[in-house]
Amino acid sequence: DAVRVVGTAGLIGGGEPELPIDEHLEVLRG
């Protein structure tokens, strides 16, 4: 039930650079 992030890419703007964007966090929760 855990996710180990390998990497993120895109125009993320603000926040922790390797943290997925909110929409992706919602997908993971879903």
All heavy atoms as atom14 arrays in JSON, in Angstrom:
{
  "sequence": "DAVRVVGTAGLIGGGEPELPIDEHLEVLRG",
  "atom14_mask": [
    [1, 1, 1, 1, 1, 1, 1, 1, 0, 0, 0, 0, 0, 0],
    [1, 1, 1, 1, 1, 0, 0, 0, 0, 0, 0, 0, 0, 0],
    [1, 1, 1, 1, 1, 1, 1, 0, 0, 0, 0, 0, 0, 0],
    [1, 1, 1, 1, 1, 1, 1, 1, 1, 1, 1, 0, 0, 0],
    [1, 1, 1, 1, 1, 1, 1, 0, 0, 0, 0, 0, 0, 0],
    [1, 1, 1, 1, 1, 1, 1, 0, 0, 0, 0, 0, 0, 0],
    [1, 1, 1, 1, 0, 0, 0, 0, 0, 0, 0, 0, 0, 0],
    [1, 1, 1, 1, 1, 1, 1, 0, 0, 0, 0, 0, 0, 0],
    [1, 1, 1, 1, 1, 0, 0, 0, 0, 0, 0, 0, 0, 0],
    [1, 1, 1, 1, 0, 0, 0, 0, 0, 0, 0, 0, 0, 0],
    [1, 1, 1, 1, 1, 1, 1, 1, 0, 0, 0, 0, 0, 0],
    [1, 1, 1, 1, 1, 1, 1, 1, 0, 0, 0, 0, 0, 0],
    [1, 1, 1, 1, 0, 0, 0, 0, 0, 0, 0, 0, 0, 0],
    [1, 1, 1, 1, 0, 0, 0, 0, 0, 0, 0, 0, 0, 0],
    [1, 1, 1, 1, 0, 0, 0, 0, 0, 0, 0, 0, 0, 0],
    [1, 1, 1, 1, 1, 1, 1, 1, 1, 0, 0, 0, 0, 0],
    [1, 1, 1, 1, 1, 1, 1, 0, 0, 0, 0, 0, 0, 0],
    [1, 1, 1, 1, 1, 1, 1, 1, 1, 0, 0, 0, 0, 0],
    [1, 1, 1, 1, 1, 1, 1, 1, 0, 0, 0, 0, 0, 0],
    [1, 1, 1, 1, 1, 1, 1, 0, 0, 0, 0, 0, 0, 0],
    [1, 1, 1, 1, 1, 1, 1, 1, 0, 0, 0, 0, 0, 0],
    [1, 1, 1, 1, 1, 1, 1, 1, 0, 0, 0, 0, 0, 0],
    [1, 1, 1, 1, 1, 1, 1, 1, 1, 0, 0, 0, 0, 0],
    [1, 1, 1, 1, 1, 1, 1, 1, 1, 1, 0, 0, 0, 0],
    [1, 1, 1, 1, 1, 1, 1, 1, 0, 0, 0, 0, 0, 0],
    [1, 1, 1, 1, 1, 1, 1, 1, 1, 0, 0, 0, 0, 0],
    [1, 1, 1, 1, 1, 1, 1, 0, 0, 0, 0, 0, 0, 0],
    [1, 1, 1, 1, 1, 1, 1, 1, 0, 0, 0, 0, 0, 0],
    [1, 1, 1, 1, 1, 1, 1, 1, 1, 1, 1, 0, 0, 0],
    [1, 1, 1, 1, 0, 0, 0, 0, 0, 0, 0, 0, 0, 0]
  ],
  "atom14_positions": [
    [[0.82, -1.21, 0.0], [0.0, 0.0, 0.0], [0.85, 1.26, 0.0], [0.34, 2.37, 0.22], [-0.95, 0.0, 1.2], [-2.08, -1.01, 1.02], [-2.47, -1.27, -0.13], [-2.57, -1.53, 2.04], [0.0, 0.0, 0.0], [0.0, 0.0, 0.0], [0.0, 0.0, 0.0], [0.0, 0.0, 0.0], [0.0, 0.0, 0.0], [0.0, 0.0, 0.0]],
    [[2.15, 1.11, -0.25], [3.07, 2.25, -0.33], [3.51, 2.46, -1.77], [3.52, 1.54, -2.59], [4.29, 2.02, 0.55], [0.0, 0.0, 0.0], [0.0, 0.0, 0.0], [0.0, 0.0, 0.0], [0.0, 0.0, 0.0], [0.0, 0.0, 0.0], [0.0, 0.0, 0.0], [0.0, 0.0, 0.0], [0.0, 0.0, 0.0], [0.0, 0.0, 0.0]],
    [[3.87, 3.69, -2.06], [4.39, 4.08, -3.37], [5.82, 4.56, -3.16], [6.06, 5.42, -2.32], [3.55, 5.23, -3.97], [4.24, 5.85, -5.14], [2.19, 4.74, -4.35], [0.0, 0.0, 0.0], [0.0, 0.0, 0.0], [0.0, 0.0, 0.0], [0.0, 0.0, 0.0], [0.0, 0.0, 0.0], [0.0, 0.0, 0.0], [0.0, 0.0, 0.0]],
    [[6.75, 4.01, -3.92], [8.14, 4.47, -3.88], [8.38, 5.24, -5.18], [8.48, 4.64, -6.24], [9.09, 3.3, -3.74], [8.85, 2.55, -2.44], [9.93, 1.54, -2.13], [9.63, 0.9, -0.85], [9.89, 1.43, 0.34], [10.46, 2.61, 0.42], [9.58, 0.78, 1.44], [0.0, 0.0, 0.0], [0.0, 0.0, 0.0], [0.0, 0.0, 0.0]],
    [[8.44, 6.57, -5.05], [8.59, 7.43, -6.22], [9.99, 7.26, -6.79], [10.98, 7.34, -6.08], [8.33, 8.9, -5.86], [8.61, 9.82, -7.04], [6.9, 9.09, -5.38], [0.0, 0.0, 0.0], [0.0, 0.0, 0.0], [0.0, 0.0, 0.0], [0.0, 0.0, 0.0], [0.0, 0.0, 0.0], [0.0, 0.0, 0.0], [0.0, 0.0, 0.0]],
    [[10.05, 7.0, -8.09], [11.33, 6.9, -8.8], [11.71, 8.29, -9.31], [12.86, 8.68, -9.24], [11.22, 5.9, -9.98], [12.48, 5.91, -10.82], [10.91, 4.51, -9.46], [0.0, 0.0, 0.0], [0.0, 0.0, 0.0], [0.0, 0.0, 0.0], [0.0, 0.0, 0.0], [0.0, 0.0, 0.0], [0.0, 0.0, 0.0], [0.0, 0.0, 0.0]],
    [[10.73, 9.04, -9.82], [11.01, 10.38, -10.3], [9.74, 11.07, -10.78], [8.71, 10.44, -11.01], [0.0, 0.0, 0.0], [0.0, 0.0, 0.0], [0.0, 0.0, 0.0], [0.0, 0.0, 0.0], [0.0, 0.0, 0.0], [0.0, 0.0, 0.0], [0.0, 0.0, 0.0], [0.0, 0.0, 0.0], [0.0, 0.0, 0.0], [0.0, 0.0, 0.0]],
    [[9.85, 12.38, -10.89], [8.76, 13.19, -11.43], [9.34, 14.09, -12.5], [10.53, 14.4, -12.49], [8.11, 14.07, -10.34], [9.1, 14.92, -9.77], [7.48, 13.22, -9.24], [0.0, 0.0, 0.0], [0.0, 0.0, 0.0], [0.0, 0.0, 0.0], [0.0, 0.0, 0.0], [0.0, 0.0, 0.0], [0.0, 0.0, 0.0], [0.0, 0.0, 0.0]],
    [[8.49, 14.53, -13.43], [8.94, 15.44, -14.48], [7.77, 16.34, -14.86], [6.61, 15.94, -14.78], [9.41, 14.66, -15.7], [0.0, 0.0, 0.0], [0.0, 0.0, 0.0], [0.0, 0.0, 0.0], [0.0, 0.0, 0.0], [0.0, 0.0, 0.0], [0.0, 0.0, 0.0], [0.0, 0.0, 0.0], [0.0, 0.0, 0.0], [0.0, 0.0, 0.0]],
    [[8.1, 17.55, -15.27], [7.09, 18.51, -15.7], [7.33, 19.85, -15.06], [8.28, 20.04, -14.29], [0.0, 0.0, 0.0], [0.0, 0.0, 0.0], [0.0, 0.0, 0.0], [0.0, 0.0, 0.0], [0.0, 0.0, 0.0], [0.0, 0.0, 0.0], [0.0, 0.0, 0.0], [0.0, 0.0, 0.0], [0.0, 0.0, 0.0], [0.0, 0.0, 0.0]],
    [[6.47, 20.79, -15.36], [6.55, 22.12, -14.78], [5.86, 22.09, -13.43], [4.67, 22.33, -13.32], [5.88, 23.15, -15.7], [6.48, 23.25, -17.1], [5.64, 24.18, -17.96], [7.91, 23.76, -17.01], [0.0, 0.0, 0.0], [0.0, 0.0, 0.0], [0.0, 0.0, 0.0], [0.0, 0.0, 0.0], [0.0, 0.0, 0.0], [0.0, 0.0, 0.0]],
    [[6.61, 21.78, -12.39], [6.0, 21.51, -11.09], [5.82, 22.78, -10.27], [4.88, 22.9, -9.55], [6.79, 20.43, -10.34], [6.69, 19.15, -11.15], [6.29, 20.25, -8.93], [7.4, 17.98, -10.61], [0.0, 0.0, 0.0], [0.0, 0.0, 0.0], [0.0, 0.0, 0.0], [0.0, 0.0, 0.0], [0.0, 0.0, 0.0], [0.0, 0.0, 0.0]],
    [[6.66, 23.74, -10.32], [6.47, 25.03, -9.65], [6.17, 24.96, -8.16], [5.09, 24.59, -7.76], [0.0, 0.0, 0.0], [0.0, 0.0, 0.0], [0.0, 0.0, 0.0], [0.0, 0.0, 0.0], [0.0, 0.0, 0.0], [0.0, 0.0, 0.0], [0.0, 0.0, 0.0], [0.0, 0.0, 0.0], [0.0, 0.0, 0.0], [0.0, 0.0, 0.0]],
    [[7.11, 25.32, -7.33], [6.9, 25.36, -5.89], [6.88, 23.98, -5.27], [6.79, 22.97, -5.94], [0.0, 0.0, 0.0], [0.0, 0.0, 0.0], [0.0, 0.0, 0.0], [0.0, 0.0, 0.0], [0.0, 0.0, 0.0], [0.0, 0.0, 0.0], [0.0, 0.0, 0.0], [0.0, 0.0, 0.0], [0.0, 0.0, 0.0], [0.0, 0.0, 0.0]],
    [[6.96, 23.95, -3.97], [6.92, 22.67, -3.26], [8.21, 21.89, -3.42], [9.18, 22.34, -4.0], [0.0, 0.0, 0.0], [0.0, 0.0, 0.0], [0.0, 0.0, 0.0], [0.0, 0.0, 0.0], [0.0, 0.0, 0.0], [0.0, 0.0, 0.0], [0.0, 0.0, 0.0], [0.0, 0.0, 0.0], [0.0, 0.0, 0.0], [0.0, 0.0, 0.0]],
    [[8.21, 20.72, -2.89], [9.39, 19.85, -2.95], [9.55, 19.32, -4.36], [8.62, 18.77, -4.93], [9.2, 18.71, -1.95], [10.46, 17.93, -1.75], [10.39, 17.04, -0.52], [9.5, 17.23, 0.31], [11.26, 16.18, -0.41], [0.0, 0.0, 0.0], [0.0, 0.0, 0.0], [0.0, 0.0, 0.0], [0.0, 0.0, 0.0], [0.0, 0.0, 0.0]],
    [[10.73, 19.46, -4.97], [10.91, 19.11, -6.38], [10.54, 17.68, -6.75], [10.07, 17.44, -7.84], [12.41, 19.34, -6.63], [12.85, 20.24, -5.55], [11.94, 20.0, -4.38], [0.0, 0.0, 0.0], [0.0, 0.0, 0.0], [0.0, 0.0, 0.0], [0.0, 0.0, 0.0], [0.0, 0.0, 0.0], [0.0, 0.0, 0.0], [0.0, 0.0, 0.0]],
    [[10.74, 16.73, -5.87], [10.46, 15.34, -6.23], [9.06, 14.9, -5.82], [8.67, 13.78, -6.04], [11.51, 14.41, -5.63], [11.66, 14.55, -4.15], [12.88, 13.82, -3.6], [13.82, 13.55, -4.33], [12.84, 13.51, -2.4], [0.0, 0.0, 0.0], [0.0, 0.0, 0.0], [0.0, 0.0, 0.0], [0.0, 0.0, 0.0], [0.0, 0.0, 0.0]],
    [[8.27, 15.8, -5.22], [6.91, 15.47, -4.8], [5.97, 15.52, -6.0], [5.98, 16.49, -6.75], [6.44, 16.46, -3.74], [5.18, 16.13, -2.97], [5.35, 14.84, -2.18], [4.83, 17.27, -2.04], [0.0, 0.0, 0.0], [0.0, 0.0, 0.0], [0.0, 0.0, 0.0], [0.0, 0.0, 0.0], [0.0, 0.0, 0.0], [0.0, 0.0, 0.0]],
    [[5.17, 14.47, -6.24], [4.23, 14.49, -7.36], [3.23, 15.64, -7.23], [2.93, 16.09, -6.13], [3.52, 13.14, -7.25], [4.45, 12.27, -6.48], [5.15, 13.2, -5.51], [0.0, 0.0, 0.0], [0.0, 0.0, 0.0], [0.0, 0.0, 0.0], [0.0, 0.0, 0.0], [0.0, 0.0, 0.0], [0.0, 0.0, 0.0], [0.0, 0.0, 0.0]],
    [[2.69, 16.08, -8.37], [1.69, 17.13, -8.35], [0.41, 16.62, -7.69], [0.19, 15.41, -7.58], [1.4, 17.69, -9.77], [0.86, 16.61, -10.69], [2.64, 18.36, -10.34], [0.38, 17.12, -12.05], [0.0, 0.0, 0.0], [0.0, 0.0, 0.0], [0.0, 0.0, 0.0], [0.0, 0.0, 0.0], [0.0, 0.0, 0.0], [0.0, 0.0, 0.0]],
    [[-0.44, 17.54, -7.26], [-1.66, 17.19, -6.52], [-2.54, 16.19, -7.27], [-3.08, 15.26, -6.67], [-2.48, 18.44, -6.2], [-1.82, 19.31, -5.14], [-0.94, 18.8, -4.41], [-2.19, 20.49, -5.04], [0.0, 0.0, 0.0], [0.0, 0.0, 0.0], [0.0, 0.0, 0.0], [0.0, 0.0, 0.0], [0.0, 0.0, 0.0], [0.0, 0.0, 0.0]],
    [[-2.7, 16.37, -8.58], [-3.54, 15.46, -9.36], [-3.02, 14.03, -9.3], [-3.79, 13.08, -9.23], [-3.63, 15.91, -10.83], [-4.41, 17.2, -11.02], [-3.56, 18.46, -10.85], [-2.39, 18.37, -10.35], [-4.06, 19.53, -11.2], [0.0, 0.0, 0.0], [0.0, 0.0, 0.0], [0.0, 0.0, 0.0], [0.0, 0.0, 0.0], [0.0, 0.0, 0.0]],
    [[-1.71, 13.86, -9.31], [-1.11, 12.53, -9.24], [-1.26, 11.94, -7.84], [-1.47, 10.73, -7.69], [0.35, 12.56, -9.68], [0.52, 12.9, -11.12], [1.73, 12.78, -11.76], [-0.36, 13.35, -12.06], [1.58, 13.15, -13.03], [0.32, 13.5, -13.22], [0.0, 0.0, 0.0], [0.0, 0.0, 0.0], [0.0, 0.0, 0.0], [0.0, 0.0, 0.0]],
    [[-1.17, 12.79, -6.81], [-1.4, 12.31, -5.45], [-2.84, 11.82, -5.3], [-3.08, 10.8, -4.65], [-1.1, 13.43, -4.44], [0.36, 13.84, -4.34], [0.5, 15.05, -3.42], [1.25, 12.7, -3.88], [0.0, 0.0, 0.0], [0.0, 0.0, 0.0], [0.0, 0.0, 0.0], [0.0, 0.0, 0.0], [0.0, 0.0, 0.0], [0.0, 0.0, 0.0]],
    [[-3.78, 12.51, -5.93], [-5.19, 12.08, -5.89], [-5.36, 10.73, -6.58], [-6.13, 9.89, -6.11], [-6.1, 13.13, -6.52], [-6.3, 14.35, -5.65], [-6.88, 14.02, -4.28], [-7.82, 13.21, -4.19], [-6.37, 14.57, -3.3], [0.0, 0.0, 0.0], [0.0, 0.0, 0.0], [0.0, 0.0, 0.0], [0.0, 0.0, 0.0], [0.0, 0.0, 0.0]],
    [[-4.68, 10.52, -7.71], [-4.74, 9.23, -8.39], [-4.21, 8.13, -7.47], [-4.84, 7.07, -7.34], [-3.95, 9.26, -9.72], [-3.78, 7.86, -10.29], [-4.62, 10.18, -10.73], [0.0, 0.0, 0.0], [0.0, 0.0, 0.0], [0.0, 0.0, 0.0], [0.0, 0.0, 0.0], [0.0, 0.0, 0.0], [0.0, 0.0, 0.0], [0.0, 0.0, 0.0]],
    [[-3.1, 8.37, -6.81], [-2.52, 7.37, -5.92], [-3.47, 7.05, -4.77], [-3.66, 5.88, -4.42], [-1.16, 7.85, -5.39], [-0.07, 7.96, -6.46], [1.15, 8.69, -5.9], [0.31, 6.6, -7.01], [0.0, 0.0, 0.0], [0.0, 0.0, 0.0], [0.0, 0.0, 0.0], [0.0, 0.0, 0.0], [0.0, 0.0, 0.0], [0.0, 0.0, 0.0]],
    [[-4.1, 8.07, -4.2], [-5.09, 7.84, -3.14], [-6.26, 7.02, -3.68], [-6.74, 6.09, -3.03], [-5.61, 9.17, -2.6], [-4.66, 9.89, -1.7], [-5.3, 11.16, -1.12], [-4.28, 12.0, -0.55], [-3.79, 13.1, -1.12], [-4.27, 13.53, -2.28], [-2.85, 13.79, -0.52], [0.0, 0.0, 0.0], [0.0, 0.0, 0.0], [0.0, 0.0, 0.0]],
    [[-6.72, 7.37, -4.88], [-7.84, 6.67, -5.49], [-7.54, 5.21, -5.76], [-8.46, 4.37, -5.78], [0.0, 0.0, 0.0], [0.0, 0.0, 0.0], [0.0, 0.0, 0.0], [0.0, 0.0, 0.0], [0.0, 0.0, 0.0], [0.0, 0.0, 0.0], [0.0, 0.0, 0.0], [0.0, 0.0, 0.0], [0.0, 0.0, 0.0], [0.0, 0.0, 0.0]]
  ]
}
